[in-house]
Amino acid sequence: MEHAYIENKVNNQSMVLSAQNSGSTHEQIVYLVDDDLDDRMYGAHHLQKSDHIGEIRPVESADALFKYFKKSGIYENTSFASSPTPIIILDIHMPAMNGIEVLDRIRNHPITSDFPVILLTTDVSCEKVYDAYRFHANGYLQKPLDLCQFHKVMEQIATGEHKVYF
C-alpha cells in the first residue's frame, strides 16, 4: 500500500513529501534542491511514484540543504548508517549559492563527498556541463521548459528509465 503526505511550512521552511511503499525497510531519500516552488512540487510529485524512493525532501536553497544536513545528523554520519546514501537532485541557477558551488561543497565534505548528485537544469551550455563533471556530478540532465516534458523527465528519473550511474 502506498501512502503520501505533504507538509508545507511557511517562512522559507522546507516541505517534506514522503511516500511509504511496501517492501524495503531502507528506502532511498532524495533531496530535490530548487529555488522554484513549482519545480520542487512537480518534481516531488513524480519522484514519489518510484518504488525505490521512500522520501522526497524538496529544499528551496543550498543554505536550507546544508542546515538540514546539520540538523538531521548527516554530518555526523548517523542518519543513514543502515540505509542507502541520499541522492541529491540539484538545480544550477539558484540565488546566493549556485548548483556548481553546492556540488563543490558537497564533494569537499568527508561525509557527503560520495553522495550521488544529479544536476537538473535548463542550462545546457558547454561551460556548465564541463563544470558539473569537473566537480564530479553523477549526472547532468536538461530540465525541459515544457511542463509535460518536465513531468516526463521526472517520471523517467523515478522509474529508472533515465540511467544515471552512481
Protein backbone atom coordinates (compact mmCIF):
# COMPACT_ATOMS: atom_id res chain seq x y z
CA MET A 1 0.00 0.00 0.00
CA GLU A 2 1.33 3.42 -0.92
CA HIS A 3 0.84 6.41 1.35
CA ALA A 4 1.88 10.00 0.66
CA TYR A 5 1.59 13.25 2.53
CA ILE A 6 2.81 16.80 2.11
CA GLU A 7 3.81 19.02 5.00
CA ASN A 8 4.05 22.60 3.77
CA LYS A 9 5.70 25.01 6.18
CA VAL A 10 5.78 28.75 5.58
CA ASN A 11 8.57 31.30 6.06
CA ASN A 12 11.15 29.60 3.84
CA GLN A 13 10.97 26.27 5.65
CA SER A 14 11.42 23.08 3.65
CA MET A 15 8.49 20.96 2.54
CA VAL A 16 8.56 17.24 3.10
CA LEU A 17 6.88 14.82 0.74
CA SER A 18 7.02 11.25 1.92
CA ALA A 19 5.96 8.15 0.08
CA GLN A 20 5.79 4.96 2.09
CA ASN A 21 5.87 1.99 -0.20
CA SER A 22 5.56 -1.61 0.80
CA GLY A 23 8.75 -3.58 0.63
CA SER A 24 12.18 -2.49 1.76
CA THR A 25 12.64 -1.03 5.20
CA HIS A 26 15.56 1.08 3.94
CA GLU A 27 14.21 3.17 1.10
CA GLN A 28 16.05 5.87 -0.77
CA ILE A 29 15.90 9.52 0.36
CA VAL A 30 16.07 12.14 -2.38
CA TYR A 31 16.79 15.82 -1.78
CA LEU A 32 15.29 17.93 -4.56
CA VAL A 33 17.06 21.31 -4.37
CA ASP A 34 15.50 24.03 -6.49
CA ASP A 35 14.57 27.64 -5.77
CA ASP A 36 11.43 27.33 -7.94
CA LEU A 37 8.46 26.15 -5.85
CA ASP A 38 6.60 24.70 -8.85
CA ASP A 39 9.63 22.67 -9.96
CA ARG A 40 10.08 21.30 -6.43
CA MET A 41 6.43 20.33 -6.10
CA TYR A 42 6.06 18.87 -9.63
CA GLY A 43 9.37 17.05 -9.34
CA ALA A 44 8.49 15.61 -5.93
CA HIS A 45 5.06 14.53 -7.15
CA HIS A 46 6.58 12.45 -9.93
CA LEU A 47 9.50 11.11 -7.93
CA GLN A 48 7.14 9.70 -5.31
CA LYS A 49 5.86 7.23 -7.90
CA SER A 50 9.07 5.23 -7.65
CA ASP A 51 9.07 2.02 -5.64
CA HIS A 52 12.70 2.74 -4.71
CA ILE A 53 12.24 6.18 -3.19
CA GLY A 54 10.98 6.29 0.37
CA GLU A 55 11.12 10.02 0.99
CA ILE A 56 11.47 13.12 -1.16
CA ARG A 57 12.70 16.23 0.60
CA PRO A 58 12.13 19.33 -1.53
CA VAL A 59 14.54 22.06 -0.43
CA GLU A 60 14.42 25.68 -1.61
CA SER A 61 18.11 26.65 -1.37
CA ALA A 62 21.65 25.49 -0.77
CA ASP A 63 21.59 27.09 2.67
CA ALA A 64 18.44 25.15 3.58
CA LEU A 65 20.03 21.90 2.33
CA PHE A 66 23.15 22.32 4.47
CA LYS A 67 21.09 23.35 7.51
CA TYR A 68 19.02 20.20 7.04
CA PHE A 69 22.18 18.07 6.81
CA LYS A 70 23.42 19.54 10.06
CA LYS A 71 20.07 19.25 11.88
CA SER A 72 19.38 15.68 10.72
CA GLY A 73 22.77 14.29 11.73
CA ILE A 74 24.09 13.62 8.23
CA TYR A 75 27.33 15.42 9.03
CA GLU A 76 27.82 13.05 11.95
CA ASN A 77 27.19 10.07 9.65
CA THR A 78 24.39 8.86 11.94
CA SER A 79 21.28 9.33 9.86
CA PHE A 80 21.98 6.81 7.08
CA ALA A 81 24.23 4.21 8.68
CA SER A 82 21.88 1.34 7.79
CA SER A 83 20.09 2.86 4.81
CA PRO A 84 21.01 3.89 1.26
CA THR A 85 23.08 7.02 0.73
CA PRO A 86 20.82 10.01 -0.04
CA ILE A 87 20.58 11.24 -3.63
CA ILE A 88 20.62 14.96 -4.40
CA ILE A 89 18.87 16.39 -7.46
CA LEU A 90 20.15 19.92 -7.83
CA ASP A 91 19.25 22.96 -9.93
CA ILE A 92 22.17 25.08 -11.13
CA HIS A 93 20.67 28.57 -11.17
CA MET A 94 19.79 29.47 -7.59
CA PRO A 95 20.35 32.68 -5.62
CA ALA A 96 23.15 33.01 -3.06
CA MET A 97 24.92 29.74 -3.98
CA ASN A 98 24.55 28.19 -7.42
CA GLY A 99 24.36 24.46 -8.04
CA ILE A 100 28.01 24.12 -9.08
CA GLU A 101 29.09 25.75 -5.81
CA VAL A 102 26.75 23.44 -3.89
CA LEU A 103 28.21 20.43 -5.72
CA ASP A 104 31.73 21.59 -4.87
CA ARG A 105 30.83 21.96 -1.19
CA ILE A 106 29.20 18.51 -1.14
CA ARG A 107 32.27 16.93 -2.76
CA ASN A 108 34.64 18.63 -0.29
CA HIS A 109 32.93 17.36 2.86
CA PRO A 110 34.16 13.94 4.05
CA ILE A 111 30.66 12.66 4.86
CA THR A 112 28.81 13.91 1.74
CA SER A 113 31.60 13.57 -0.82
CA ASP A 114 30.22 10.27 -2.17
CA PHE A 115 26.55 11.32 -2.26
CA PRO A 116 25.15 10.90 -5.77
CA VAL A 117 24.37 14.34 -7.23
CA ILE A 118 22.32 14.85 -10.39
CA LEU A 119 22.16 18.33 -11.86
CA LEU A 120 18.77 19.04 -13.43
CA THR A 121 18.74 22.42 -15.13
CA THR A 122 17.62 24.40 -18.16
CA ASP A 123 21.24 25.46 -18.75
CA VAL A 124 22.97 23.10 -21.17
CA SER A 125 25.89 25.35 -22.04
CA CYS A 126 29.17 23.52 -22.57
CA GLU A 127 30.71 25.52 -19.73
CA LYS A 128 28.09 24.37 -17.19
CA VAL A 129 28.22 20.75 -18.30
CA TYR A 130 32.03 20.84 -18.10
CA ASP A 131 31.91 22.42 -14.61
CA ALA A 132 29.39 19.84 -13.42
CA TYR A 133 31.58 16.91 -14.40
CA ARG A 134 34.76 18.69 -13.28
CA PHE A 135 33.22 18.68 -9.78
CA HIS A 136 32.18 15.04 -10.25
CA ALA A 137 28.43 15.27 -10.80
CA ASN A 138 26.89 11.84 -11.27
CA GLY A 139 24.51 13.13 -13.92
CA TYR A 140 23.53 16.25 -15.85
CA LEU A 141 20.01 16.38 -17.26
CA GLN A 142 18.24 19.15 -19.12
CA LYS A 143 15.15 20.44 -17.32
CA PRO A 144 12.55 20.95 -20.06
CA LEU A 145 10.70 24.26 -20.12
CA ASP A 146 7.52 22.50 -21.21
CA LEU A 147 5.58 21.25 -18.18
CA CYS A 148 4.54 17.97 -19.82
CA GLN A 149 8.14 17.21 -20.79
CA PHE A 150 9.33 18.14 -17.28
CA HIS A 151 6.86 15.62 -15.84
CA LYS A 152 8.15 13.00 -18.25
CA VAL A 153 11.80 13.57 -17.25
CA MET A 154 10.94 13.34 -13.53
CA GLU A 155 8.96 10.14 -14.09
CA GLN A 156 11.91 8.69 -16.03
CA ILE A 157 14.27 9.51 -13.15
CA ALA A 158 11.83 7.97 -10.65
CA THR A 159 11.29 4.79 -12.63
CA GLY A 160 14.92 4.37 -13.63
CA GLU A 161 14.31 4.94 -17.35
CA HIS A 162 16.88 7.76 -17.20
CA LYS A 163 20.05 5.88 -16.35
CA VAL A 164 22.35 7.81 -14.05
CA TYR A 165 25.33 5.93 -12.69
CA PHE A 166 26.42 6.35 -9.09
